[in-house]
Amino acid sequence: MAHKKGQGSTKNGRDSNPQYLGIKLYGGEVAQPGAILIRQNGTKHHPGFNVRKGKDDTLFAVASGTVVYQNSKHGKKVHVDPFDADIARPQWLREYRAAHAS
């Protein structure tokens, strides 16, 4: 007969760390090269101009500039519009920049 009660075991004694998913830089904010724009699971947002996708589907900037979000029939895209006006960019981004010039 035991004089002390034995410790029981449990199957629930562990937890995982949060993933901290979501948008890290919103439209109009300044992005530096290497800055994380979006942390996501799967490709809810797709990389656009000056944006690349990491192996965990994270979108990050490859040039410094302003973050621009675009909704198209092919899904949501994220772009980085460079500060330098002389850098070549897609036609629609030139038009967007002209329309939203401050």
C-alpha atoms as a PDB file:
ATOM      1  CA  MET A   1       0.000   0.000   0.000  1.00  0.00           C
ATOM      2  CA  ALA A   2       1.489   3.346  -1.086  1.00  0.00           C
ATOM      3  CA  HIS A   3       1.776   6.105   1.483  1.00  0.00           C
ATOM      4  CA  LYS A   4       1.858   8.868  -1.144  1.00  0.00           C
ATOM      5  CA  LYS A   5      -0.399   9.334  -4.112  1.00  0.00           C
ATOM      6  CA  GLY A   6       1.459   8.773  -7.391  1.00  0.00           C
ATOM      7  CA  GLN A   7       1.559  11.495 -10.047  1.00  0.00           C
ATOM      8  CA  GLY A   8      -0.792  10.749 -12.895  1.00  0.00           C
ATOM      9  CA  SER A   9       0.187  11.427 -16.491  1.00  0.00           C
ATOM     10  CA  THR A  10      -1.718  13.590 -18.932  1.00  0.00           C
ATOM     11  CA  LYS A  11      -1.943  13.636 -22.696  1.00  0.00           C
ATOM     12  CA  ASN A  12      -2.651  17.378 -22.899  1.00  0.00           C
ATOM     13  CA  GLY A  13       0.536  18.940 -21.511  1.00  0.00           C
ATOM     14  CA  ARG A  14       1.895  20.663 -24.620  1.00  0.00           C
ATOM     15  CA  ASP A  15       1.148  23.659 -26.796  1.00  0.00           C
ATOM     16  CA  SER A  16       2.501  25.128 -30.022  1.00  0.00           C
ATOM     17  CA  ASN A  17       3.777  28.633 -30.580  1.00  0.00           C
ATOM     18  CA  PRO A  18       1.577  31.117 -32.487  1.00  0.00           C
ATOM     19  CA  GLN A  19       2.406  31.741 -36.136  1.00  0.00           C
ATOM     20  CA  TYR A  20       1.880  35.535 -36.199  1.00  0.00           C
ATOM     21  CA  LEU A  21       0.348  35.473 -39.679  1.00  0.00           C
ATOM     22  CA  GLY A  22      -1.089  38.483 -41.464  1.00  0.00           C
ATOM     23  CA  ILE A  23      -0.230  41.706 -43.236  1.00  0.00           C
ATOM     24  CA  LYS A  24       2.891  43.377 -41.836  1.00  0.00           C
ATOM     25  CA  LEU A  25       3.057  46.425 -44.156  1.00  0.00           C
ATOM     26  CA  TYR A  26      -0.138  48.006 -45.470  1.00  0.00           C
ATOM     27  CA  GLY A  27      -0.702  49.927 -48.704  1.00  0.00           C
ATOM     28  CA  GLY A  28       1.119  53.242 -48.828  1.00  0.00           C
ATOM     29  CA  GLU A  29       3.739  52.249 -46.246  1.00  0.00           C
ATOM     30  CA  VAL A  30       7.461  52.278 -47.047  1.00  0.00           C
ATOM     31  CA  ALA A  31       9.209  48.940 -47.596  1.00  0.00           C
ATOM     32  CA  GLN A  32      12.955  48.369 -47.539  1.00  0.00           C
ATOM     33  CA  PRO A  33      14.639  45.449 -49.375  1.00  0.00           C
ATOM     34  CA  GLY A  34      14.045  42.261 -47.421  1.00  0.00           C
ATOM     35  CA  ALA A  35      11.091  43.668 -45.474  1.00  0.00           C
ATOM     36  CA  ILE A  36       8.323  41.139 -44.828  1.00  0.00           C
ATOM     37  CA  LEU A  37       5.059  42.345 -46.358  1.00  0.00           C
ATOM     38  CA  ILE A  38       2.751  39.414 -45.586  1.00  0.00           C
ATOM     39  CA  ARG A  39       3.111  36.195 -43.557  1.00  0.00           C
ATOM     40  CA  GLN A  40       0.601  33.654 -44.844  1.00  0.00           C
ATOM     41  CA  ASN A  41      -0.221  29.974 -45.222  1.00  0.00           C
ATOM     42  CA  GLY A  42      -0.796  29.241 -48.892  1.00  0.00           C
ATOM     43  CA  THR A  43      -0.902  31.962 -51.523  1.00  0.00           C
ATOM     44  CA  LYS A  44      -3.877  34.106 -50.579  1.00  0.00           C
ATOM     45  CA  HIS A  45      -1.806  37.058 -51.848  1.00  0.00           C
ATOM     46  CA  HIS A  46       0.518  36.641 -54.814  1.00  0.00           C
ATOM     47  CA  PRO A  47       3.854  38.389 -55.400  1.00  0.00           C
ATOM     48  CA  GLY A  48       3.911  41.203 -57.919  1.00  0.00           C
ATOM     49  CA  PHE A  49       6.433  43.833 -59.035  1.00  0.00           C
ATOM     50  CA  ASN A  50       9.539  43.918 -56.759  1.00  0.00           C
ATOM     51  CA  VAL A  51       8.050  41.256 -54.460  1.00  0.00           C
ATOM     52  CA  ARG A  52       9.175  37.630 -54.051  1.00  0.00           C
ATOM     53  CA  LYS A  53       7.704  34.616 -52.253  1.00  0.00           C
ATOM     54  CA  GLY A  54       9.643  32.641 -49.625  1.00  0.00           C
ATOM     55  CA  LYS A  55       9.393  28.883 -49.168  1.00  0.00           C
ATOM     56  CA  ASP A  56       6.815  29.341 -46.394  1.00  0.00           C
ATOM     57  CA  ASP A  57       4.708  31.596 -48.702  1.00  0.00           C
ATOM     58  CA  THR A  58       5.919  34.776 -46.981  1.00  0.00           C
ATOM     59  CA  LEU A  59       5.947  37.776 -49.328  1.00  0.00           C
ATOM     60  CA  PHE A  60       8.935  40.104 -49.033  1.00  0.00           C
ATOM     61  CA  ALA A  61      10.213  43.201 -50.831  1.00  0.00           C
ATOM     62  CA  VAL A  62      13.301  43.075 -53.075  1.00  0.00           C
ATOM     63  CA  ALA A  63      13.532  46.858 -53.573  1.00  0.00           C
ATOM     64  CA  SER A  64      12.766  49.925 -51.509  1.00  0.00           C
ATOM     65  CA  GLY A  65       9.553  51.733 -52.301  1.00  0.00           C
ATOM     66  CA  THR A  66       5.872  52.099 -51.457  1.00  0.00           C
ATOM     67  CA  VAL A  67       3.631  49.071 -50.919  1.00  0.00           C
ATOM     68  CA  VAL A  68       0.704  48.780 -53.360  1.00  0.00           C
ATOM     69  CA  TYR A  69      -2.079  46.184 -53.137  1.00  0.00           C
ATOM     70  CA  GLN A  70      -4.021  45.198 -56.253  1.00  0.00           C
ATOM     71  CA  ASN A  71      -7.199  43.153 -56.607  1.00  0.00           C
ATOM     72  CA  SER A  72      -7.395  41.489 -59.999  1.00  0.00           C
ATOM     73  CA  LYS A  73      -9.405  38.697 -61.538  1.00  0.00           C
ATOM     74  CA  HIS A  74      -6.431  36.401 -60.870  1.00  0.00           C
ATOM     75  CA  GLY A  75      -6.392  37.137 -57.137  1.00  0.00           C
ATOM     76  CA  LYS A  76      -4.780  39.672 -54.845  1.00  0.00           C
ATOM     77  CA  LYS A  77      -1.293  40.888 -55.713  1.00  0.00           C
ATOM     78  CA  VAL A  78       1.243  42.867 -53.726  1.00  0.00           C
ATOM     79  CA  HIS A  79       3.706  45.245 -55.408  1.00  0.00           C
ATOM     80  CA  VAL A  80       6.458  47.591 -54.298  1.00  0.00           C
ATOM     81  CA  ASP A  81       6.523  50.822 -56.302  1.00  0.00           C
ATOM     82  CA  PRO A  82      10.114  52.127 -56.294  1.00  0.00           C
ATOM     83  CA  PHE A  83      10.789  55.696 -55.180  1.00  0.00           C
ATOM     84  CA  ASP A  84      12.930  56.484 -58.232  1.00  0.00           C
ATOM     85  CA  ALA A  85      10.684  57.623 -61.101  1.00  0.00           C
ATOM     86  CA  ASP A  86      13.280  56.584 -63.718  1.00  0.00           C
ATOM     87  CA  ILE A  87      13.106  52.862 -62.888  1.00  0.00           C
ATOM     88  CA  ALA A  88      11.090  50.831 -65.395  1.00  0.00           C
ATOM     89  CA  ARG A  89       7.758  49.632 -64.022  1.00  0.00           C
ATOM     90  CA  PRO A  90       4.564  48.120 -65.489  1.00  0.00           C
ATOM     91  CA  GLN A  91       2.223  50.486 -67.339  1.00  0.00           C
ATOM     92  CA  TRP A  92      -0.625  50.161 -64.835  1.00  0.00           C
ATOM     93  CA  LEU A  93       1.774  51.001 -61.988  1.00  0.00           C
ATOM     94  CA  ARG A  94       2.891  54.166 -63.814  1.00  0.00           C
ATOM     95  CA  GLU A  95      -0.762  55.153 -64.210  1.00  0.00           C
ATOM     96  CA  TYR A  96      -1.461  54.331 -60.556  1.00  0.00           C
ATOM     97  CA  ARG A  97       1.497  56.449 -59.454  1.00  0.00           C
ATOM     98  CA  ALA A  98       0.334  59.378 -61.601  1.00  0.00           C
ATOM     99  CA  ALA A  99      -3.221  59.145 -60.249  1.00  0.00           C
ATOM    100  CA  HIS A 100      -2.085  58.898 -56.609  1.00  0.00           C
ATOM    101  CA  ALA A 101       0.766  61.423 -56.741  1.00  0.00           C
ATOM    102  CA  SER A 102       0.843  63.467 -53.576  1.00  0.00           C
END
